[in-house]
Amino acid sequence: MKNAKPHALVSWIGNADLKAISSTEAEGQALGPIIATLKAQAFDSVELLYSYPEDQVKPYLAWLQEQVSISIHSHAISLSSPVNFGEIYVQANQQLSRLSAKGFKLSILLSPGTPAMQAVWILLGKTRYPCQFYQSSLEQGVKQVDIPFELSAEYLPAAKSIKSAKIRQLAEVGAPINAAFDNIVTRNPYMQSLKAQAQILAEHEVPVLIYGETGTGKELFARAIHNASRRANRPFVPINCGAIPTELVDSVLFGHKKGAFTGAISDKPGVFEQADGGTLFLDEFGELEPSVQVRLLRVLQEGVFVPVGSTREQKADVRLITATHRNLMEAVAKGNLREDLFYRVAVGVLHLPPLREREGDLVLLADSLVKAMSVRDSTLKHKKISSEAKNLILQHPWRGNVRELQSTLLRAALWCQGDDITAADIRQALFHLPEWNNDLMNKDVSKGIDIQGIIGEVVRHYIRKALQQSGQNKTRAAQLLGLKNYQTLNNWMEKYGVK
């Protein structure tokens, strides 16, 4: 046995592993998948990849070395995101290539890490580096996994050939800077009438209010209006009002002077000054607090504003386009939006329909988006959507509208094998959100119920909705939920396991 290859276990370090240090259990899965696997199977060494901060990982590595006698080798990996397939592929391939060149027998632990990390392990282990796969779970313990399919190395996904920076560019779903009305792809009669209305509005200097769900193309319309207007050669400045911390709204909108508050180390222009002579696009306009609405109204009425920390008025010549998914008339009725401000911004109004109501547009848009990807990167130039995949696309509700459709098609195009994007590729790329249980108030108490579980289900549902509504702004989400502050929200999120 002296000539036997040394056996190495390769794994990402996951959150459950890092929590192992504080575990009160002496044995088993409470100590995390990595150590559970090392105790259950014999290896000569373990190779660990991690993208967590050093101060979290170093104590874990020291603790792990105390638990096992084999060699532990750790590798800090820089990732822009734990779900960036391109970066994960490059890093994982580099580590497996190095170990393979040294003559190691390889085993990969799939359990720790994100689904993207697990997918890349399977891809590499089934095409380039023969290995054994292991999984470790609380319910089933440590098991060797048989993955019952083969991949051809000749048909490795496009993600392998595309650089990470290019994948990030392809994933950007914002409207192009030079957006024109021709970029709005539709054959739907209502959408065509909206394009005609928007073209008329572009010729005038009136404020425009755009209604629509998230991902329906509000910024695309706003940029097309700007680019077709007399202000086309001047700045277009977009800002998401729902993502601005409450305490910084005045500074973001109107700018500030050096020393105006802690951290104001220099003068900084606000978006009104940046957009002077051009167009200011206020997305999620309905999120602005009433106190800010007063100052915004003055700018629109008089064309002047005062930066934070200044006493001198500045002028701003700005064409305003606002967008929201909220019912602003209802907000006016409830006193959450000033009526005079509403009528100031709602001169030209466009109601963008959700994708599910744009009859005849879904397949047309899907083909157009794939074609746009192929233009932006030659690796994707032959990709096309199969008939079966198009039927599956037509069946999906697309709650995230065009944005969700584009993201799904990109995932499918990057990982499909060959040029045809199949129904299986689309199915794998889709995120299936669980349906909200509308029967929570009608459970049969006589058979016993889990009241704490029901409360937790309700809390998790509405916390996620509030975070989505606020653009992940915890202060605003706490307000929407009637909680005192973001720290209270943090406590609830921790208690009920909301990430």
Protein backbone atom coordinates (compact mmCIF):
# COMPACT_ATOMS: atom_id res chain seq x y z
CA MET A 1 0.00 0.00 0.00
CA LYS A 2 3.01 2.31 -0.01
CA ASN A 3 2.28 3.36 -3.58
CA ALA A 4 -1.38 4.22 -2.93
CA LYS A 5 -2.37 7.76 -3.81
CA PRO A 6 -2.92 10.13 -0.86
CA HIS A 7 -6.63 10.77 -0.38
CA ALA A 8 -7.80 14.40 -0.06
CA LEU A 9 -11.24 15.73 0.88
CA VAL A 10 -12.07 19.05 -0.81
CA SER A 11 -14.81 21.35 0.46
CA TRP A 12 -15.98 24.91 0.86
CA ILE A 13 -16.34 26.10 4.44
CA GLY A 14 -20.01 26.80 5.10
CA ASN A 15 -21.94 28.76 7.70
CA ALA A 16 -22.91 25.59 9.58
CA ASP A 17 -19.22 24.73 9.92
CA LEU A 18 -18.33 28.14 11.33
CA LYS A 19 -21.10 27.80 13.91
CA ALA A 20 -19.62 24.51 15.09
CA ILE A 21 -17.28 26.24 17.53
CA SER A 22 -20.22 27.38 19.64
CA SER A 23 -22.01 24.03 19.45
CA THR A 24 -22.97 22.42 22.75
CA GLU A 25 -23.01 18.94 21.18
CA ALA A 26 -20.02 16.69 21.61
CA GLU A 27 -20.61 14.59 18.53
CA GLY A 28 -22.28 14.57 15.14
CA GLN A 29 -23.82 17.12 12.82
CA ALA A 30 -23.99 19.90 15.42
CA LEU A 31 -20.28 20.18 14.74
CA GLY A 32 -20.83 20.84 11.06
CA PRO A 33 -20.63 18.85 7.79
CA ILE A 34 -16.84 19.05 7.45
CA ILE A 35 -15.84 17.56 10.78
CA ALA A 36 -18.71 15.05 10.63
CA THR A 37 -17.31 13.78 7.32
CA LEU A 38 -13.72 13.73 8.59
CA LYS A 39 -14.80 11.64 11.58
CA ALA A 40 -16.87 9.24 9.45
CA GLN A 41 -14.39 8.65 6.59
CA ALA A 42 -10.61 8.25 6.39
CA PHE A 43 -8.63 10.90 4.51
CA ASP A 44 -4.97 11.85 4.43
CA SER A 45 -5.67 15.59 4.22
CA VAL A 46 -8.44 18.12 3.79
CA GLU A 47 -8.41 21.10 1.41
CA LEU A 48 -10.80 23.88 2.48
CA LEU A 49 -11.88 26.86 0.38
CA TYR A 50 -13.55 29.88 1.97
CA SER A 51 -14.80 33.35 1.08
CA TYR A 52 -15.72 34.41 4.62
CA PRO A 53 -13.68 37.11 6.46
CA GLU A 54 -10.45 35.92 8.04
CA ASP A 55 -11.57 36.79 11.57
CA GLN A 56 -14.44 34.28 11.23
CA VAL A 57 -12.45 31.49 9.61
CA LYS A 58 -9.18 31.46 11.60
CA PRO A 59 -10.80 30.46 14.92
CA TYR A 60 -12.67 27.69 13.13
CA LEU A 61 -9.52 26.32 11.48
CA ALA A 62 -7.69 26.32 14.81
CA TRP A 63 -10.60 24.51 16.45
CA LEU A 64 -10.86 22.00 13.59
CA GLN A 65 -7.16 21.12 13.81
CA GLU A 66 -7.66 20.30 17.48
CA GLN A 67 -10.41 17.82 16.53
CA VAL A 68 -8.56 15.84 13.83
CA SER A 69 -5.03 14.58 13.28
CA ILE A 70 -4.83 14.94 9.48
CA SER A 71 -3.31 17.88 7.61
CA ILE A 72 -5.60 20.86 7.03
CA HIS A 73 -4.89 23.21 4.13
CA SER A 74 -7.04 26.34 3.77
CA HIS A 75 -7.38 28.69 0.80
CA ALA A 76 -8.94 32.16 0.98
CA ILE A 77 -10.97 32.74 -2.19
CA SER A 78 -12.02 36.20 -3.36
CA LEU A 79 -15.56 36.19 -4.80
CA SER A 80 -17.68 39.18 -5.76
CA SER A 81 -20.70 37.04 -4.85
CA PRO A 82 -21.15 33.51 -3.42
CA VAL A 83 -23.42 32.74 -6.39
CA ASN A 84 -21.12 34.02 -9.15
CA PHE A 85 -20.81 30.86 -11.26
CA GLY A 86 -17.93 32.16 -13.37
CA GLU A 87 -15.69 33.06 -10.44
CA ILE A 88 -16.56 29.90 -8.52
CA TYR A 89 -15.74 27.75 -11.56
CA VAL A 90 -12.33 29.37 -12.05
CA GLN A 91 -11.35 29.01 -8.38
CA ALA A 92 -12.64 25.47 -7.92
CA ASN A 93 -11.04 24.30 -11.17
CA GLN A 94 -7.71 25.81 -10.09
CA GLN A 95 -7.73 23.94 -6.78
CA LEU A 96 -8.75 20.58 -8.26
CA SER A 97 -6.19 20.95 -11.06
CA ARG A 98 -3.44 21.58 -8.51
CA LEU A 99 -4.38 18.55 -6.40
CA SER A 100 -4.79 16.31 -9.43
CA ALA A 101 -1.34 17.29 -10.68
CA LYS A 102 0.11 16.26 -7.32
CA GLY A 103 -1.40 12.78 -7.66
CA PHE A 104 -4.14 13.02 -5.04
CA LYS A 105 -7.17 10.76 -5.02
CA LEU A 106 -10.03 13.28 -4.77
CA SER A 107 -13.25 13.34 -2.80
CA ILE A 108 -15.58 16.36 -2.74
CA LEU A 109 -17.96 17.26 0.08
CA LEU A 110 -21.02 18.83 -1.54
CA SER A 111 -22.94 19.95 1.56
CA PRO A 112 -21.24 23.23 2.56
CA GLY A 113 -21.56 26.32 0.36
CA THR A 114 -24.15 27.81 -1.96
CA PRO A 115 -26.10 25.90 -4.65
CA ALA A 116 -23.82 27.54 -7.22
CA MET A 117 -20.76 26.07 -5.48
CA GLN A 118 -22.37 22.62 -5.37
CA ALA A 119 -23.29 22.80 -9.07
CA VAL A 120 -19.71 23.67 -10.01
CA TRP A 121 -18.32 20.79 -7.92
CA ILE A 122 -20.60 18.34 -9.76
CA LEU A 123 -19.70 19.83 -13.15
CA LEU A 124 -15.94 19.52 -12.53
CA GLY A 125 -16.17 16.14 -10.81
CA LYS A 126 -18.15 14.64 -13.68
CA THR A 127 -16.06 16.06 -16.54
CA ARG A 128 -12.45 16.79 -15.59
CA TYR A 129 -11.45 15.33 -12.23
CA PRO A 130 -12.69 11.81 -11.39
CA CYS A 131 -13.71 11.84 -7.76
CA GLN A 132 -16.05 10.57 -5.09
CA PHE A 133 -18.86 12.80 -3.82
CA TYR A 134 -20.00 12.98 -0.22
CA GLN A 135 -22.95 14.64 1.50
CA SER A 136 -23.38 15.25 5.20
CA SER A 137 -26.75 16.00 6.80
CA LEU A 138 -28.31 15.92 10.22
CA GLU A 139 -31.02 13.51 9.09
CA GLN A 140 -28.96 10.99 7.10
CA GLY A 141 -25.43 11.45 8.39
CA VAL A 142 -22.42 11.15 6.08
CA LYS A 143 -23.02 9.31 2.81
CA GLN A 144 -21.18 8.75 -0.41
CA VAL A 145 -23.30 10.13 -3.27
CA ASP A 146 -23.81 8.47 -6.62
CA ILE A 147 -24.70 11.10 -9.24
CA PRO A 148 -26.45 9.06 -11.96
CA PHE A 149 -25.58 11.00 -15.10
CA GLU A 150 -22.56 11.83 -17.19
CA LEU A 151 -21.49 15.14 -18.74
CA SER A 152 -19.43 15.44 -21.88
CA ALA A 153 -16.38 17.65 -21.55
CA GLU A 154 -16.98 18.66 -25.15
CA TYR A 155 -20.17 20.42 -24.07
CA LEU A 156 -19.04 22.31 -21.02
CA PRO A 157 -21.29 25.33 -20.37
CA ALA A 158 -20.62 28.79 -21.73
CA ALA A 159 -19.89 29.96 -18.18
CA LYS A 160 -16.50 28.23 -18.42
CA SER A 161 -15.43 30.39 -21.36
CA ILE A 162 -16.75 33.75 -20.22
CA LYS A 163 -14.76 35.92 -17.84
CA SER A 164 -16.38 36.87 -14.54
CA ALA A 165 -16.50 40.58 -15.43
CA LYS A 166 -18.40 39.75 -18.62
CA ILE A 167 -20.90 37.57 -16.71
CA ARG A 168 -21.52 40.48 -14.33
CA GLN A 169 -22.14 42.76 -17.31
CA LEU A 170 -24.55 40.26 -18.84
CA ALA A 171 -26.38 40.04 -15.52
CA GLU A 172 -26.97 43.79 -15.40
CA VAL A 173 -30.64 44.34 -16.04
CA GLY A 174 -30.72 48.14 -16.06
CA ALA A 175 -31.91 50.07 -19.07
CA PRO A 176 -29.17 50.91 -21.61
CA ILE A 177 -27.84 54.46 -21.49
CA ASN A 178 -28.80 55.04 -25.12
CA ALA A 179 -32.25 53.49 -24.70
CA ALA A 180 -34.76 54.48 -27.36
CA PHE A 181 -38.38 53.55 -27.94
CA ASP A 182 -37.17 50.88 -30.39
CA ASN A 183 -35.61 49.10 -27.39
CA ILE A 184 -39.11 48.52 -25.99
CA VAL A 185 -39.92 45.18 -27.63
CA THR A 186 -43.65 44.54 -27.97
CA ARG A 187 -46.44 43.57 -30.29
CA ASN A 188 -49.09 44.05 -27.59
CA PRO A 189 -51.61 46.77 -28.64
CA TYR A 190 -51.73 48.40 -25.18
CA MET A 191 -47.93 48.55 -24.93
CA GLN A 192 -47.76 50.03 -28.41
CA SER A 193 -50.19 52.76 -27.36
CA LEU A 194 -48.05 53.45 -24.28
CA LYS A 195 -44.98 53.87 -26.50
CA ALA A 196 -46.89 56.36 -28.63
CA GLN A 197 -48.00 58.32 -25.55
CA ALA A 198 -44.45 58.32 -24.16
CA GLN A 199 -43.08 59.66 -27.44
CA ILE A 200 -45.52 62.57 -27.25
CA LEU A 201 -44.57 63.25 -23.62
CA ALA A 202 -40.87 63.23 -24.60
CA GLU A 203 -41.45 66.25 -26.82
CA HIS A 204 -42.78 68.34 -23.92
CA GLU A 205 -41.24 69.48 -20.63
CA VAL A 206 -44.01 68.14 -18.41
CA PRO A 207 -43.23 65.88 -15.43
CA VAL A 208 -44.03 62.21 -16.04
CA LEU A 209 -45.22 59.60 -13.52
CA ILE A 210 -44.72 55.93 -14.47
CA TYR A 211 -46.68 53.22 -12.65
CA GLY A 212 -45.67 49.57 -12.77
CA GLU A 213 -44.62 46.49 -10.83
CA THR A 214 -40.96 45.78 -10.18
CA GLY A 215 -39.18 44.72 -13.37
CA THR A 216 -41.78 46.05 -15.85
CA GLY A 217 -39.37 48.47 -17.53
CA LYS A 218 -40.04 51.80 -15.80
CA GLU A 219 -36.43 52.98 -16.15
CA LEU A 220 -36.35 51.86 -19.79
CA PHE A 221 -39.34 54.11 -20.52
CA ALA A 222 -37.77 56.96 -18.51
CA ARG A 223 -34.47 56.78 -20.41
CA ALA A 224 -36.28 56.53 -23.76
CA ILE A 225 -38.30 59.67 -22.91
CA HIS A 226 -35.12 61.53 -21.95
CA ASN A 227 -33.21 60.41 -25.04
CA ALA A 228 -36.07 61.51 -27.31
CA SER A 229 -36.37 64.92 -25.62
CA ARG A 230 -34.57 68.23 -26.13
CA ARG A 231 -32.50 67.36 -23.05
CA ALA A 232 -30.98 64.24 -24.64
CA ASN A 233 -27.43 65.66 -24.61
CA ARG A 234 -27.70 66.59 -20.92
CA PRO A 235 -27.42 64.27 -17.86
CA PHE A 236 -29.94 61.55 -17.01
CA VAL A 237 -29.62 60.86 -13.27
CA PRO A 238 -31.54 57.85 -11.80
CA ILE A 239 -31.98 57.35 -8.06
CA ASN A 240 -33.94 54.71 -6.10
CA CYS A 241 -35.72 56.62 -3.32
CA GLY A 242 -36.56 53.41 -1.47
CA ALA A 243 -32.87 52.55 -1.05
CA ILE A 244 -31.83 55.86 0.54
CA PRO A 245 -31.43 55.78 4.35
CA THR A 246 -33.90 58.24 5.90
CA GLU A 247 -31.17 60.31 7.52
CA LEU A 248 -29.38 60.80 4.18
CA VAL A 249 -32.32 61.69 1.92
CA ASP A 250 -31.72 65.46 2.05
CA SER A 251 -28.02 65.01 1.35
CA VAL A 252 -28.63 62.67 -1.59
CA LEU A 253 -31.29 64.91 -3.15
CA PHE A 254 -29.85 68.36 -2.45
CA GLY A 255 -26.19 67.74 -1.62
CA HIS A 256 -24.24 68.89 1.42
CA LYS A 257 -21.41 71.15 2.45
CA LYS A 258 -18.19 70.07 4.12
CA GLY A 259 -18.72 69.66 7.86
CA ALA A 260 -22.53 69.63 7.60
CA PHE A 261 -22.58 66.38 9.60
CA THR A 262 -20.21 63.70 10.82
CA GLY A 263 -18.57 62.13 7.80
CA ALA A 264 -19.13 65.11 5.48
CA ILE A 265 -15.44 65.56 4.69
CA SER A 266 -16.04 67.55 1.51
CA ASP A 267 -18.75 69.29 -0.49
CA LYS A 268 -20.94 66.85 -2.40
CA PRO A 269 -23.53 67.71 -5.05
CA GLY A 270 -26.99 66.19 -4.78
CA VAL A 271 -28.91 64.59 -7.64
CA PHE A 272 -30.75 67.84 -8.44
CA GLU A 273 -27.45 69.59 -9.05
CA GLN A 274 -26.07 66.61 -10.98
CA ALA A 275 -29.16 66.56 -13.23
CA ASP A 276 -29.17 70.32 -13.87
CA GLY A 277 -30.24 70.91 -17.48
CA GLY A 278 -31.21 67.23 -17.88
CA THR A 279 -33.59 64.67 -16.42
CA LEU A 280 -33.89 63.40 -12.85
CA PHE A 281 -35.50 59.96 -12.51
CA LEU A 282 -36.86 59.26 -9.01
CA ASP A 283 -37.65 55.54 -8.87
CA GLU A 284 -39.84 54.26 -5.99
CA PHE A 285 -41.01 57.84 -5.53
CA GLY A 286 -43.77 56.74 -3.14
CA GLU A 287 -41.18 55.86 -0.49
CA LEU A 288 -40.23 59.48 0.27
CA GLU A 289 -41.13 60.66 3.78
CA PRO A 290 -43.66 63.55 4.14
CA SER A 291 -40.95 65.84 5.59
CA VAL A 292 -38.87 65.40 2.44
CA GLN A 293 -41.91 65.92 0.23
CA VAL A 294 -42.21 69.53 1.43
CA ARG A 295 -38.66 70.36 0.34
CA LEU A 296 -39.08 68.47 -2.92
CA LEU A 297 -42.23 70.45 -3.71
CA ARG A 298 -40.37 73.74 -3.26
CA VAL A 299 -37.70 72.67 -5.78
CA LEU A 300 -40.38 71.77 -8.31
CA GLN A 301 -42.33 74.99 -7.74
CA GLU A 302 -39.50 77.51 -7.49
CA GLY A 303 -36.55 75.71 -9.07
CA VAL A 304 -34.29 76.35 -6.05
CA PHE A 305 -32.88 74.24 -3.21
CA VAL A 306 -30.49 74.63 -0.30
CA PRO A 307 -27.75 71.99 0.28
CA VAL A 308 -27.46 70.55 3.80
CA GLY A 309 -25.18 72.80 5.85
CA SER A 310 -25.58 75.78 3.52
CA THR A 311 -27.63 78.98 3.71
CA ARG A 312 -27.36 79.87 0.03
CA GLU A 313 -30.00 78.85 -2.49
CA GLN A 314 -28.98 77.09 -5.70
CA LYS A 315 -30.99 76.87 -8.91
CA ALA A 316 -31.86 73.65 -10.70
CA ASP A 317 -33.36 73.29 -14.17
CA VAL A 318 -34.53 69.67 -14.06
CA ARG A 319 -37.12 67.64 -15.94
CA LEU A 320 -38.60 65.22 -13.41
CA ILE A 321 -39.69 61.65 -14.16
CA THR A 322 -40.97 59.61 -11.22
CA ALA A 323 -41.86 55.94 -10.95
CA THR A 324 -43.63 53.80 -8.38
CA HIS A 325 -45.44 50.51 -7.89
CA ARG A 326 -47.65 52.04 -5.17
CA ASN A 327 -51.15 53.46 -5.51
CA LEU A 328 -50.33 57.14 -4.94
CA MET A 329 -53.98 58.24 -4.85
CA GLU A 330 -54.46 55.87 -1.93
CA ALA A 331 -51.32 57.33 -0.31
CA VAL A 332 -52.80 60.82 -0.73
CA ALA A 333 -56.07 59.70 0.86
CA LYS A 334 -54.19 58.24 3.84
CA GLY A 335 -52.08 61.37 4.27
CA ASN A 336 -48.82 59.66 3.36
CA LEU A 337 -48.32 61.77 0.22
CA ARG A 338 -48.98 65.49 -0.20
CA GLU A 339 -51.81 66.09 -2.63
CA ASP A 340 -50.14 69.18 -4.13
CA LEU A 341 -46.94 67.18 -4.74
CA PHE A 342 -48.89 64.37 -6.40
CA TYR A 343 -50.54 66.70 -8.90
CA ARG A 344 -47.19 68.39 -9.53
CA VAL A 345 -45.49 65.12 -10.61
CA ALA A 346 -48.51 63.38 -12.20
CA VAL A 347 -48.96 65.52 -15.31
CA GLY A 348 -48.10 62.84 -17.85
CA VAL A 349 -48.98 59.40 -16.48
CA LEU A 350 -48.05 55.97 -17.91
CA HIS A 351 -49.35 52.67 -16.46
CA LEU A 352 -47.00 49.82 -17.44
CA PRO A 353 -48.71 46.40 -17.35
CA PRO A 354 -47.05 43.35 -15.77
CA LEU A 355 -45.55 40.83 -18.16
CA ARG A 356 -48.36 38.32 -17.50
CA GLU A 357 -50.84 40.83 -19.00
CA ARG A 358 -48.80 41.58 -22.14
CA GLU A 359 -50.46 39.07 -24.45
CA GLY A 360 -48.23 38.05 -27.35
CA ASP A 361 -45.05 39.53 -25.87
CA LEU A 362 -43.58 36.77 -23.71
CA VAL A 363 -41.90 34.61 -26.38
CA LEU A 364 -41.03 37.70 -28.44
CA LEU A 365 -39.25 39.20 -25.42
CA ALA A 366 -37.49 35.94 -24.56
CA ASP A 367 -36.07 35.62 -28.09
CA SER A 368 -35.07 39.30 -28.06
CA LEU A 369 -33.26 38.97 -24.71
CA VAL A 370 -31.30 35.89 -25.83
CA LYS A 371 -30.36 37.68 -29.05
CA ALA A 372 -29.16 40.70 -27.03
CA MET A 373 -26.97 38.41 -24.92
CA SER A 374 -25.44 36.90 -28.06
CA VAL A 375 -24.55 40.37 -29.32
CA ARG A 376 -22.86 41.26 -26.05
CA ASP A 377 -20.74 38.08 -25.92
CA SER A 378 -19.77 35.85 -28.86
CA THR A 379 -19.74 32.74 -26.65
CA LEU A 380 -23.54 32.92 -26.60
CA LYS A 381 -24.00 33.81 -30.28
CA HIS A 382 -25.60 30.50 -31.33
CA LYS A 383 -27.93 30.13 -28.35
CA LYS A 384 -31.62 29.77 -29.09
CA ILE A 385 -34.70 28.74 -27.13
CA SER A 386 -36.29 25.39 -27.99
CA SER A 387 -40.05 25.04 -28.58
CA GLU A 388 -40.46 23.02 -25.38
CA ALA A 389 -38.62 25.69 -23.42
CA LYS A 390 -40.88 28.38 -24.87
CA ASN A 391 -43.94 26.43 -23.76
CA LEU A 392 -42.52 26.29 -20.24
CA ILE A 393 -41.80 30.05 -20.33
CA LEU A 394 -45.44 30.67 -21.29
CA GLN A 395 -46.64 28.69 -18.26
CA HIS A 396 -44.56 30.59 -15.67
CA PRO A 397 -46.19 33.56 -13.82
CA TRP A 398 -43.07 35.81 -13.97
CA ARG A 399 -43.73 37.73 -10.78
CA GLY A 400 -40.45 39.59 -11.34
CA ASN A 401 -41.56 40.51 -14.88
CA VAL A 402 -38.93 41.29 -17.54
CA ARG A 403 -36.16 41.41 -14.94
CA GLU A 404 -36.91 37.87 -13.77
CA LEU A 405 -37.21 36.66 -17.38
CA GLN A 406 -33.81 38.11 -18.31
CA SER A 407 -32.06 36.65 -15.25
CA THR A 408 -33.58 33.22 -15.86
CA LEU A 409 -32.58 33.19 -19.53
CA LEU A 410 -29.03 34.24 -18.65
CA ARG A 411 -28.66 31.40 -16.12
CA ALA A 412 -30.05 28.93 -18.65
CA ALA A 413 -27.81 30.21 -21.48
CA LEU A 414 -24.66 30.07 -19.34
CA TRP A 415 -25.20 26.49 -18.19
CA CYS A 416 -27.00 24.73 -21.03
CA GLN A 417 -24.97 22.17 -22.96
CA GLY A 418 -25.03 22.88 -26.65
CA ASP A 419 -26.75 25.73 -28.46
CA ASP A 420 -30.38 24.90 -27.67
CA ILE A 421 -31.78 26.18 -24.39
CA THR A 422 -34.09 23.31 -23.44
CA ALA A 423 -37.09 23.09 -21.16
CA ALA A 424 -34.86 21.29 -18.63
CA ASP A 425 -32.42 24.23 -18.73
CA ILE A 426 -35.25 26.70 -18.08
CA ARG A 427 -36.71 24.53 -15.35
CA GLN A 428 -33.33 24.37 -13.60
CA ALA A 429 -32.82 28.14 -13.95
CA LEU A 430 -36.21 29.09 -12.50
CA PHE A 431 -36.74 30.07 -8.89
CA HIS A 432 -39.99 28.57 -7.64
CA LEU A 433 -41.35 30.73 -4.85
CA PRO A 434 -43.59 28.93 -2.36
CA GLU A 435 -47.22 29.92 -2.56
CA TRP A 436 -48.54 31.83 0.45
CA ASN A 437 -50.82 29.68 2.53
CA ASN A 438 -54.19 31.45 2.57
CA ASP A 439 -55.70 28.89 4.91
CA LEU A 440 -53.85 29.89 8.07
CA MET A 441 -57.02 31.15 9.73
CA ASN A 442 -59.02 27.97 9.07
CA LYS A 443 -56.95 25.19 10.61
CA ASP A 444 -58.71 22.44 12.59
CA VAL A 445 -57.82 23.16 16.23
CA SER A 446 -59.50 19.92 17.36
CA LYS A 447 -56.65 17.98 15.74
CA GLY A 448 -54.00 20.17 17.33
CA ILE A 449 -52.02 22.95 15.69
CA ASP A 450 -48.51 24.39 15.99
CA ILE A 451 -49.36 27.97 16.95
CA GLN A 452 -45.69 28.99 17.18
CA GLY A 453 -45.06 27.56 13.72
CA ILE A 454 -48.02 29.49 12.30
CA ILE A 455 -46.79 32.72 13.90
CA GLY A 456 -43.32 32.10 12.50
CA GLU A 457 -44.73 31.47 9.02
CA VAL A 458 -46.63 34.77 9.11
CA VAL A 459 -43.63 36.71 10.43
CA ARG A 460 -41.22 35.31 7.83
CA HIS A 461 -43.68 36.02 5.01
CA TYR A 462 -44.19 39.68 5.90
CA ILE A 463 -40.56 40.41 6.80
CA ARG A 464 -39.50 39.20 3.35
CA LYS A 465 -42.23 41.27 1.70
CA ALA A 466 -41.19 44.39 3.64
CA LEU A 467 -37.52 43.92 2.75
CA GLN A 468 -38.42 43.47 -0.91
CA GLN A 469 -40.71 46.51 -0.79
CA SER A 470 -38.01 48.69 0.78
CA GLY A 471 -35.17 47.61 -1.51
CA GLN A 472 -33.53 45.76 1.45
CA ASN A 473 -33.53 48.98 3.51
CA LYS A 474 -34.02 47.63 7.04
CA THR A 475 -34.99 51.00 8.56
CA ARG A 476 -37.79 51.43 6.04
CA ALA A 477 -38.80 47.74 6.31
CA ALA A 478 -39.11 48.11 10.11
CA GLN A 479 -41.40 51.12 9.59
CA LEU A 480 -43.58 49.20 7.15
CA LEU A 481 -43.96 46.40 9.72
CA GLY A 482 -44.72 48.76 12.61
CA LEU A 483 -41.49 47.90 14.43
CA LYS A 484 -39.55 50.49 16.46
CA ASN A 485 -36.30 50.41 14.52
CA TYR A 486 -34.04 48.27 12.33
CA GLN A 487 -32.45 46.65 15.40
CA THR A 488 -35.84 45.29 16.41
CA LEU A 489 -36.22 43.97 12.86
CA ASN A 490 -32.78 42.35 13.12
CA ASN A 491 -33.87 40.60 16.32
CA TRP A 492 -37.03 39.26 14.65
CA MET A 493 -35.06 38.12 11.60
CA GLU A 494 -32.61 36.22 13.81
CA LYS A 495 -35.39 34.71 15.90
CA TYR A 496 -37.35 33.43 12.91
CA GLY A 497 -34.40 32.55 10.66
CA VAL A 498 -34.91 35.14 7.94
CA LYS A 499 -31.79 35.83 5.88
